[in-house]
Each structure stands twice: as structure tokens, then as C-alpha cells.
Amino acid sequence: MDKSEPPTLFVIGNQAAVKTWGDYAIDLTGTKIAAEGNTDDFNLYGADGKFVSQGYCYECFGVIANPDLISKAGHDINQIHQFSD
């Protein structure tokens, strides 16, 4: 960061950011914001076990296919499981 003091609020969005910025983060264990979460599956922790980032944004991606066009191309939609198929 190009400043002498860390920010009040900062997004630590992945484990690489934990390694870079985790020393600036407070331990969120036992805080009100930690109690608001309904899962800890996406929380991030430092190597020392410090709870430094609460998961808040989830993204998922999928592929939508037109089975009729797949069939016309000579393929079976049920045999396609990944991009390389």
C-alpha cells in the first residue's frame, strides 16, 4: 500500500491476499460480524489460524447447451461432461 497506515476496511479475497495483507488484519474470531455468518466454509485464515476474512461473495459458473443443436452436430448431450469432450 502506498500509505503509512493500513486502511480501516480492506478486502482480503483469497489465500494469496491473506499472505500479503494478513499481518494488517485483526482476528475476527468472536466478533459480531463473525457471528452473523451462517457458514465458515468460505472464511480465510492466516497460517497462525487467525480468522482474517469472512466470506461474503460467491460466484459459480456453468455451461448452458442446446441439446437439439448438440444432437444435430452428431453428439449426445449426456456424453459431454467437460470442455474437452
PDB file of N, CA and C in Angstrom:
ATOM      1  N   MET A   1       0.842  -1.181   0.000  1.00  0.00           N
ATOM      2  CA  MET A   1       0.000   0.000   0.000  1.00  0.00           C
ATOM      3  C   MET A   1       0.879   1.232   0.000  1.00  0.00           C
ATOM      4  N   ASP A   2       0.412   2.219  -0.652  1.00  0.00           N
ATOM      5  CA  ASP A   2       1.185   3.451  -0.746  1.00  0.00           C
ATOM      6  C   ASP A   2       0.727   4.435   0.325  1.00  0.00           C
ATOM      7  N   LYS A   3       0.838   4.006   1.581  1.00  0.00           N
ATOM      8  CA  LYS A   3       0.458   4.865   2.705  1.00  0.00           C
ATOM      9  C   LYS A   3       1.149   4.356   3.953  1.00  0.00           C
ATOM     10  N   SER A   4       1.210   5.169   4.970  1.00  0.00           N
ATOM     11  CA  SER A   4       1.932   4.780   6.173  1.00  0.00           C
ATOM     12  C   SER A   4       1.088   3.943   7.129  1.00  0.00           C
ATOM     13  N   GLU A   5      -0.231   4.048   7.053  1.00  0.00           N
ATOM     14  CA  GLU A   5      -1.122   3.295   7.932  1.00  0.00           C
ATOM     15  C   GLU A   5      -2.045   2.404   7.104  1.00  0.00           C
ATOM     16  N   PRO A   6      -2.385   1.239   7.611  1.00  0.00           N
ATOM     17  CA  PRO A   6      -3.317   0.375   6.875  1.00  0.00           C
ATOM     18  C   PRO A   6      -4.721   0.982   6.868  1.00  0.00           C
ATOM     19  N   PRO A   7      -5.555   0.609   5.904  1.00  0.00           N
ATOM     20  CA  PRO A   7      -6.916   1.141   5.848  1.00  0.00           C
ATOM     21  C   PRO A   7      -7.783   0.575   6.968  1.00  0.00           C
ATOM     22  N   THR A   8      -8.903   1.241   7.227  1.00  0.00           N
ATOM     23  CA  THR A   8      -9.851   0.767   8.236  1.00  0.00           C
ATOM     24  C   THR A   8     -10.540  -0.505   7.773  1.00  0.00           C
ATOM     25  N   LEU A   9     -10.911  -0.532   6.501  1.00  0.00           N
ATOM     26  CA  LEU A   9     -11.603  -1.685   5.925  1.00  0.00           C
ATOM     27  C   LEU A   9     -10.883  -2.081   4.651  1.00  0.00           C
ATOM     28  N   PHE A  10     -10.627  -3.360   4.512  1.00  0.00           N
ATOM     29  CA  PHE A  10      -9.874  -3.832   3.362  1.00  0.00           C
ATOM     30  C   PHE A  10     -10.385  -5.210   2.992  1.00  0.00           C
ATOM     31  N   VAL A  11     -10.491  -5.494   1.710  1.00  0.00           N
ATOM     32  CA  VAL A  11     -10.958  -6.796   1.243  1.00  0.00           C
ATOM     33  C   VAL A  11      -9.764  -7.732   1.077  1.00  0.00           C
ATOM     34  N   ILE A  12      -9.814  -8.841   1.783  1.00  0.00           N
ATOM     35  CA  ILE A  12      -8.851  -9.923   1.602  1.00  0.00           C
ATOM     36  C   ILE A  12      -9.657 -11.050   0.983  1.00  0.00           C
ATOM     37  N   GLY A  13      -9.538 -11.209  -0.334  1.00  0.00           N
ATOM     38  CA  GLY A  13     -10.451 -12.077  -1.060  1.00  0.00           C
ATOM     39  C   GLY A  13      -9.972 -13.479  -1.363  1.00  0.00           C
ATOM     40  N   ASN A  14      -8.710 -13.789  -1.107  1.00  0.00           N
ATOM     41  CA  ASN A  14      -8.226 -15.143  -1.371  1.00  0.00           C
ATOM     42  C   ASN A  14      -6.992 -15.416  -0.508  1.00  0.00           C
ATOM     43  N   GLN A  15      -6.532 -16.659  -0.560  1.00  0.00           N
ATOM     44  CA  GLN A  15      -5.432 -17.055   0.313  1.00  0.00           C
ATOM     45  C   GLN A  15      -4.144 -16.309  -0.018  1.00  0.00           C
ATOM     46  N   ALA A  16      -3.940 -15.952  -1.288  1.00  0.00           N
ATOM     47  CA  ALA A  16      -2.749 -15.171  -1.649  1.00  0.00           C
ATOM     48  C   ALA A  16      -2.780 -13.805  -0.974  1.00  0.00           C
ATOM     49  N   ALA A  17      -3.963 -13.198  -0.907  1.00  0.00           N
ATOM     50  CA  ALA A  17      -4.094 -11.898  -0.241  1.00  0.00           C
ATOM     51  C   ALA A  17      -3.886 -12.032   1.263  1.00  0.00           C
ATOM     52  N   VAL A  18      -4.261 -13.176   1.824  1.00  0.00           N
ATOM     53  CA  VAL A  18      -4.005 -13.409   3.255  1.00  0.00           C
ATOM     54  C   VAL A  18      -2.500 -13.364   3.505  1.00  0.00           C
ATOM     55  N   LYS A  19      -1.728 -13.990   2.629  1.00  0.00           N
ATOM     56  CA  LYS A  19      -0.270 -13.986   2.794  1.00  0.00           C
ATOM     57  C   LYS A  19       0.300 -12.575   2.686  1.00  0.00           C
ATOM     58  N   THR A  20      -0.273 -11.779   1.780  1.00  0.00           N
ATOM     59  CA  THR A  20       0.227 -10.421   1.568  1.00  0.00           C
ATOM     60  C   THR A  20      -0.221  -9.452   2.651  1.00  0.00           C
ATOM     61  N   TRP A  21      -1.501  -9.506   3.024  1.00  0.00           N
ATOM     62  CA  TRP A  21      -2.093  -8.489   3.892  1.00  0.00           C
ATOM     63  C   TRP A  21      -2.519  -8.994   5.263  1.00  0.00           C
ATOM     64  N   GLY A  22      -2.384 -10.276   5.525  1.00  0.00           N
ATOM     65  CA  GLY A  22      -2.862 -10.851   6.779  1.00  0.00           C
ATOM     66  C   GLY A  22      -2.284 -10.223   8.034  1.00  0.00           C
ATOM     67  N   ASP A  23      -1.057  -9.750   7.959  1.00  0.00           N
ATOM     68  CA  ASP A  23      -0.446  -9.113   9.130  1.00  0.00           C
ATOM     69  C   ASP A  23      -1.158  -7.821   9.525  1.00  0.00           C
ATOM     70  N   TYR A  24      -1.831  -7.184   8.574  1.00  0.00           N
ATOM     71  CA  TYR A  24      -2.574  -5.954   8.858  1.00  0.00           C
ATOM     72  C   TYR A  24      -3.947  -6.243   9.468  1.00  0.00           C
ATOM     73  N   ALA A  25      -4.435  -7.457   9.296  1.00  0.00           N
ATOM     74  CA  ALA A  25      -5.807  -7.789   9.690  1.00  0.00           C
ATOM     75  C   ALA A  25      -5.909  -8.142  11.169  1.00  0.00           C
ATOM     76  N   ILE A  26      -7.042  -7.768  11.759  1.00  0.00           N
ATOM     77  CA  ILE A  26      -7.313  -8.193  13.134  1.00  0.00           C
ATOM     78  C   ILE A  26      -7.932  -9.584  13.091  1.00  0.00           C
ATOM     79  N   ASP A  27      -7.886 -10.280  14.187  1.00  0.00           N
ATOM     80  CA  ASP A  27      -8.536 -11.584  14.293  1.00  0.00           C
ATOM     81  C   ASP A  27     -10.029 -11.345  14.501  1.00  0.00           C
ATOM     82  N   LEU A  28     -10.830 -11.839  13.584  1.00  0.00           N
ATOM     83  CA  LEU A  28     -12.280 -11.634  13.644  1.00  0.00           C
ATOM     84  C   LEU A  28     -13.001 -12.653  14.524  1.00  0.00           C
ATOM     85  N   THR A  29     -12.280 -13.602  15.084  1.00  0.00           N
ATOM     86  CA  THR A  29     -12.894 -14.615  15.941  1.00  0.00           C
ATOM     87  C   THR A  29     -13.654 -13.959  17.089  1.00  0.00           C
ATOM     88  N   GLY A  30     -14.914 -14.357  17.267  1.00  0.00           N
ATOM     89  CA  GLY A  30     -15.725 -13.863  18.371  1.00  0.00           C
ATOM     90  C   GLY A  30     -16.339 -12.490  18.162  1.00  0.00           C
ATOM     91  N   THR A  31     -16.144 -11.888  16.985  1.00  0.00           N
ATOM     92  CA  THR A  31     -16.712 -10.563  16.727  1.00  0.00           C
ATOM     93  C   THR A  31     -18.172 -10.670  16.295  1.00  0.00           C
ATOM     94  N   LYS A  32     -18.881  -9.543  16.328  1.00  0.00           N
ATOM     95  CA  LYS A  32     -20.285  -9.527  15.905  1.00  0.00           C
ATOM     96  C   LYS A  32     -20.430  -9.917  14.438  1.00  0.00           C
ATOM     97  N   ILE A  33     -19.517  -9.447  13.605  1.00  0.00           N
ATOM     98  CA  ILE A  33     -19.619  -9.791  12.184  1.00  0.00           C
ATOM     99  C   ILE A  33     -19.401 -11.285  11.968  1.00  0.00           C
ATOM    100  N   ALA A  34     -18.520 -11.886  12.736  1.00  0.00           N
ATOM    101  CA  ALA A  34     -18.302 -13.328  12.622  1.00  0.00           C
ATOM    102  C   ALA A  34     -19.553 -14.099  13.022  1.00  0.00           C
ATOM    103  N   ALA A  35     -20.267 -13.604  14.016  1.00  0.00           N
ATOM    104  CA  ALA A  35     -21.488 -14.269  14.483  1.00  0.00           C
ATOM    105  C   ALA A  35     -22.612 -14.184  13.457  1.00  0.00           C
ATOM    106  N   GLU A  36     -22.554 -13.214  12.552  1.00  0.00           N
ATOM    107  CA  GLU A  36     -23.598 -13.046  11.538  1.00  0.00           C
ATOM    108  C   GLU A  36     -23.516 -14.095  10.431  1.00  0.00           C
ATOM    109  N   GLY A  37     -22.377 -14.702  10.249  1.00  0.00           N
ATOM    110  CA  GLY A  37     -22.226 -15.695   9.182  1.00  0.00           C
ATOM    111  C   GLY A  37     -22.992 -16.971   9.492  1.00  0.00           C
ATOM    112  N   ASN A  38     -23.514 -17.611   8.453  1.00  0.00           N
ATOM    113  CA  ASN A  38     -24.216 -18.875   8.676  1.00  0.00           C
ATOM    114  C   ASN A  38     -23.374 -20.076   8.259  1.00  0.00           C
ATOM    115  N   THR A  39     -22.156 -19.829   7.791  1.00  0.00           N
ATOM    116  CA  THR A  39     -21.196 -20.888   7.492  1.00  0.00           C
ATOM    117  C   THR A  39     -19.794 -20.296   7.590  1.00  0.00           C
ATOM    118  N   ASP A  40     -18.846 -21.121   7.914  1.00  0.00           N
ATOM    119  CA  ASP A  40     -17.460 -20.645   7.896  1.00  0.00           C
ATOM    120  C   ASP A  40     -16.678 -21.318   6.770  1.00  0.00           C
ATOM    121  N   ASP A  41     -17.410 -21.953   5.860  1.00  0.00           N
ATOM    122  CA  ASP A  41     -16.776 -22.678   4.762  1.00  0.00           C
ATOM    123  C   ASP A  41     -15.915 -21.800   3.862  1.00  0.00           C
ATOM    124  N   PHE A  42     -16.237 -20.521   3.768  1.00  0.00           N
ATOM    125  CA  PHE A  42     -15.528 -19.646   2.843  1.00  0.00           C
ATOM    126  C   PHE A  42     -14.677 -18.596   3.552  1.00  0.00           C
ATOM    127  N   ASN A  43     -14.562 -18.696   4.862  1.00  0.00           N
ATOM    128  CA  ASN A  43     -13.723 -17.773   5.615  1.00  0.00           C
ATOM    129  C   ASN A  43     -12.259 -18.078   5.337  1.00  0.00           C
ATOM    130  N   LEU A  44     -11.425 -17.069   5.501  1.00  0.00           N
ATOM    131  CA  LEU A  44      -9.993 -17.237   5.269  1.00  0.00           C
ATOM    132  C   LEU A  44      -9.229 -17.056   6.571  1.00  0.00           C
ATOM    133  N   TYR A  45      -8.199 -17.869   6.737  1.00  0.00           N
ATOM    134  CA  TYR A  45      -7.403 -17.881   7.960  1.00  0.00           C
ATOM    135  C   TYR A  45      -5.926 -17.758   7.613  1.00  0.00           C
ATOM    136  N   GLY A  46      -5.187 -17.087   8.475  1.00  0.00           N
ATOM    137  CA  GLY A  46      -3.746 -16.988   8.314  1.00  0.00           C
ATOM    138  C   GLY A  46      -3.077 -18.295   8.708  1.00  0.00           C
ATOM    139  N   ALA A  47      -1.783 -18.407   8.432  1.00  0.00           N
ATOM    140  CA  ALA A  47      -1.024 -19.613   8.781  1.00  0.00           C
ATOM    141  C   ALA A  47      -1.054 -19.876  10.279  1.00  0.00           C
ATOM    142  N   ASP A  48      -1.233 -18.809  11.064  1.00  0.00           N
ATOM    143  CA  ASP A  48      -1.293 -18.933  12.519  1.00  0.00           C
ATOM    144  C   ASP A  48      -2.700 -19.263  13.022  1.00  0.00           C
ATOM    145  N   GLY A  49      -3.659 -19.444  12.089  1.00  0.00           N
ATOM    146  CA  GLY A  49      -5.029 -19.763  12.479  1.00  0.00           C
ATOM    147  C   GLY A  49      -5.908 -18.552  12.712  1.00  0.00           C
ATOM    148  N   LYS A  50      -5.351 -17.352  12.553  1.00  0.00           N
ATOM    149  CA  LYS A  50      -6.111 -16.123  12.768  1.00  0.00           C
ATOM    150  C   LYS A  50      -7.182 -15.986  11.683  1.00  0.00           C
ATOM    151  N   PHE A  51      -8.428 -15.747  12.099  1.00  0.00           N
ATOM    152  CA  PHE A  51      -9.564 -15.560  11.199  1.00  0.00           C
ATOM    153  C   PHE A  51      -9.497 -14.135  10.657  1.00  0.00           C
ATOM    154  N   VAL A  52      -9.071 -13.980   9.390  1.00  0.00           N
ATOM    155  CA  VAL A  52      -8.799 -12.644   8.857  1.00  0.00           C
ATOM    156  C   VAL A  52      -9.786 -12.152   7.802  1.00  0.00           C
ATOM    157  N   SER A  53     -10.621 -13.032   7.264  1.00  0.00           N
ATOM    158  CA  SER A  53     -11.542 -12.596   6.213  1.00  0.00           C
ATOM    159  C   SER A  53     -12.791 -13.465   6.208  1.00  0.00           C
ATOM    160  N   GLN A  54     -13.941 -12.802   6.303  1.00  0.00           N
ATOM    161  CA  GLN A  54     -15.210 -13.524   6.269  1.00  0.00           C
ATOM    162  C   GLN A  54     -15.708 -13.581   4.830  1.00  0.00           C
ATOM    163  N   GLY A  55     -16.068 -14.781   4.380  1.00  0.00           N
ATOM    164  CA  GLY A  55     -16.596 -14.941   3.030  1.00  0.00           C
ATOM    165  C   GLY A  55     -17.872 -14.133   2.856  1.00  0.00           C
ATOM    166  N   TYR A  56     -17.990 -13.425   1.732  1.00  0.00           N
ATOM    167  CA  TYR A  56     -19.166 -12.584   1.520  1.00  0.00           C
ATOM    168  C   TYR A  56     -19.667 -12.605   0.084  1.00  0.00           C
ATOM    169  N   CYS A  57     -18.898 -13.086  -0.851  1.00  0.00           N
ATOM    170  CA  CYS A  57     -19.283 -13.038  -2.261  1.00  0.00           C
ATOM    171  C   CYS A  57     -18.942 -14.376  -2.898  1.00  0.00           C
ATOM    172  N   TYR A  58     -19.953 -15.027  -3.415  1.00  0.00           N
ATOM    173  CA  TYR A  58     -19.745 -16.343  -4.006  1.00  0.00           C
ATOM    174  C   TYR A  58     -20.129 -16.293  -5.471  1.00  0.00           C
ATOM    175  N   GLU A  59     -19.329 -16.890  -6.308  1.00  0.00           N
ATOM    176  CA  GLU A  59     -19.613 -16.943  -7.732  1.00  0.00           C
ATOM    177  C   GLU A  59     -19.525 -18.384  -8.193  1.00  0.00           C
ATOM    178  N   CYS A  60     -20.360 -18.724  -9.128  1.00  0.00           N
ATOM    179  CA  CYS A  60     -20.255 -20.036  -9.750  1.00  0.00           C
ATOM    180  C   CYS A  60     -20.557 -19.870 -11.234  1.00  0.00           C
ATOM    181  N   PHE A  61     -20.057 -20.771 -12.005  1.00  0.00           N
ATOM    182  CA  PHE A  61     -20.195 -20.678 -13.445  1.00  0.00           C
ATOM    183  C   PHE A  61     -20.680 -22.015 -13.983  1.00  0.00           C
ATOM    184  N   GLY A  62     -21.401 -21.988 -15.047  1.00  0.00           N
ATOM    185  CA  GLY A  62     -21.879 -23.206 -15.670  1.00  0.00           C
ATOM    186  C   GLY A  62     -21.931 -23.029 -17.174  1.00  0.00           C
ATOM    187  N   VAL A  63     -22.227 -24.110 -17.843  1.00  0.00           N
ATOM    188  CA  VAL A  63     -22.336 -24.099 -19.293  1.00  0.00           C
ATOM    189  C   VAL A  63     -23.772 -24.438 -19.654  1.00  0.00           C
ATOM    190  N   ILE A  64     -24.363 -23.618 -20.505  1.00  0.00           N
ATOM    191  CA  ILE A  64     -25.717 -23.868 -20.987  1.00  0.00           C
ATOM    192  C   ILE A  64     -25.596 -24.357 -22.421  1.00  0.00           C
ATOM    193  N   ALA A  65     -26.253 -25.465 -22.721  1.00  0.00           N
ATOM    194  CA  ALA A  65     -26.167 -26.044 -24.060  1.00  0.00           C
ATOM    195  C   ALA A  65     -27.562 -26.280 -24.623  1.00  0.00           C
ATOM    196  N   ASN A  66     -27.669 -26.209 -25.931  1.00  0.00           N
ATOM    197  CA  ASN A  66     -28.909 -26.513 -26.631  1.00  0.00           C
ATOM    198  C   ASN A  66     -28.824 -27.966 -27.090  1.00  0.00           C
ATOM    199  N   PRO A  67     -29.568 -28.886 -26.440  1.00  0.00           N
ATOM    200  CA  PRO A  67     -29.466 -30.310 -26.778  1.00  0.00           C
ATOM    201  C   PRO A  67     -29.809 -30.617 -28.234  1.00  0.00           C
ATOM    202  N   ASP A  68     -30.737 -29.865 -28.824  1.00  0.00           N
ATOM    203  CA  ASP A  68     -31.095 -30.105 -30.226  1.00  0.00           C
ATOM    204  C   ASP A  68     -29.919 -29.815 -31.154  1.00  0.00           C
ATOM    205  N   LEU A  69     -29.226 -28.713 -30.906  1.00  0.00           N
ATOM    206  CA  LEU A  69     -28.065 -28.385 -31.734  1.00  0.00           C
ATOM    207  C   LEU A  69     -26.926 -29.377 -31.516  1.00  0.00           C
ATOM    208  N   ILE A  70     -26.750 -29.812 -30.279  1.00  0.00           N
ATOM    209  CA  ILE A  70     -25.717 -30.817 -29.981  1.00  0.00           C
ATOM    210  C   ILE A  70     -26.020 -32.094 -30.758  1.00  0.00           C
ATOM    211  N   SER A  71     -27.282 -32.501 -30.756  1.00  0.00           N
ATOM    212  CA  SER A  71     -27.707 -33.708 -31.474  1.00  0.00           C
ATOM    213  C   SER A  71     -27.510 -33.549 -32.980  1.00  0.00           C
ATOM    214  N   LYS A  72     -27.887 -32.391 -33.521  1.00  0.00           N
ATOM    215  CA  LYS A  72     -27.719 -32.137 -34.958  1.00  0.00           C
ATOM    216  C   LYS A  72     -26.251 -32.169 -35.364  1.00  0.00           C
ATOM    217  N   ALA A  73     -25.368 -31.848 -34.435  1.00  0.00           N
ATOM    218  CA  ALA A  73     -23.927 -31.881 -34.708  1.00  0.00           C
ATOM    219  C   ALA A  73     -23.364 -33.291 -34.587  1.00  0.00           C
ATOM    220  N   GLY A  74     -24.234 -34.248 -34.240  1.00  0.00           N
ATOM    221  CA  GLY A  74     -23.802 -35.641 -34.165  1.00  0.00           C
ATOM    222  C   GLY A  74     -23.273 -36.073 -32.816  1.00  0.00           C
ATOM    223  N   HIS A  75     -23.636 -35.346 -31.768  1.00  0.00           N
ATOM    224  CA  HIS A  75     -23.161 -35.684 -30.426  1.00  0.00           C
ATOM    225  C   HIS A  75     -24.336 -35.949 -29.499  1.00  0.00           C
ATOM    226  N   ASP A  76     -24.062 -36.572 -28.379  1.00  0.00           N
ATOM    227  CA  ASP A  76     -25.080 -36.848 -27.361  1.00  0.00           C
ATOM    228  C   ASP A  76     -24.788 -35.974 -26.144  1.00  0.00           C
ATOM    229  N   ILE A  77     -25.752 -35.153 -25.748  1.00  0.00           N
ATOM    230  CA  ILE A  77     -25.568 -34.237 -24.614  1.00  0.00           C
ATOM    231  C   ILE A  77     -25.165 -34.976 -23.339  1.00  0.00           C
ATOM    232  N   ASN A  78     -25.604 -36.218 -23.178  1.00  0.00           N
ATOM    233  CA  ASN A  78     -25.304 -36.995 -21.969  1.00  0.00           C
ATOM    234  C   ASN A  78     -23.866 -37.501 -21.927  1.00  0.00           C
ATOM    235  N   GLN A  79     -23.149 -37.372 -23.026  1.00  0.00           N
ATOM    236  CA  GLN A  79     -21.754 -37.809 -23.057  1.00  0.00           C
ATOM    237  C   GLN A  79     -20.777 -36.643 -22.878  1.00  0.00           C
ATOM    238  N   ILE A  80     -21.311 -35.451 -22.728  1.00  0.00           N
ATOM    239  CA  ILE A  80     -20.458 -34.274 -22.555  1.00  0.00           C
ATOM    240  C   ILE A  80     -20.422 -33.905 -21.073  1.00  0.00           C
ATOM    241  N   HIS A  81     -19.241 -33.989 -20.479  1.00  0.00           N
ATOM    242  CA  HIS A  81     -19.089 -33.714 -19.045  1.00  0.00           C
ATOM    243  C   HIS A  81     -18.100 -32.591 -18.748  1.00  0.00           C
ATOM    244  N   GLN A  82     -17.292 -32.220 -19.731  1.00  0.00           N
ATOM    245  CA  GLN A  82     -16.310 -31.164 -19.543  1.00  0.00           C
ATOM    246  C   GLN A  82     -15.982 -30.541 -20.893  1.00  0.00           C
ATOM    247  N   PHE A  83     -15.277 -29.432 -20.888  1.00  0.00           N
ATOM    248  CA  PHE A  83     -14.990 -28.717 -22.129  1.00  0.00           C
ATOM    249  C   PHE A  83     -14.230 -29.569 -23.140  1.00  0.00           C
ATOM    250  N   SER A  84     -13.363 -30.449 -22.678  1.00  0.00           N
ATOM    251  CA  SER A  84     -12.556 -31.243 -23.607  1.00  0.00           C
ATOM    252  C   SER A  84     -13.369 -32.316 -24.321  1.00  0.00           C
ATOM    253  N   ASP A  85     -14.577 -32.617 -23.837  1.00  0.00           N
ATOM    254  CA  ASP A  85     -15.434 -33.607 -24.508  1.00  0.00           C
ATOM    255  C   ASP A  85     -15.999 -32.995 -25.771  1.00  0.00           C
TER     256      ASP A  85
END
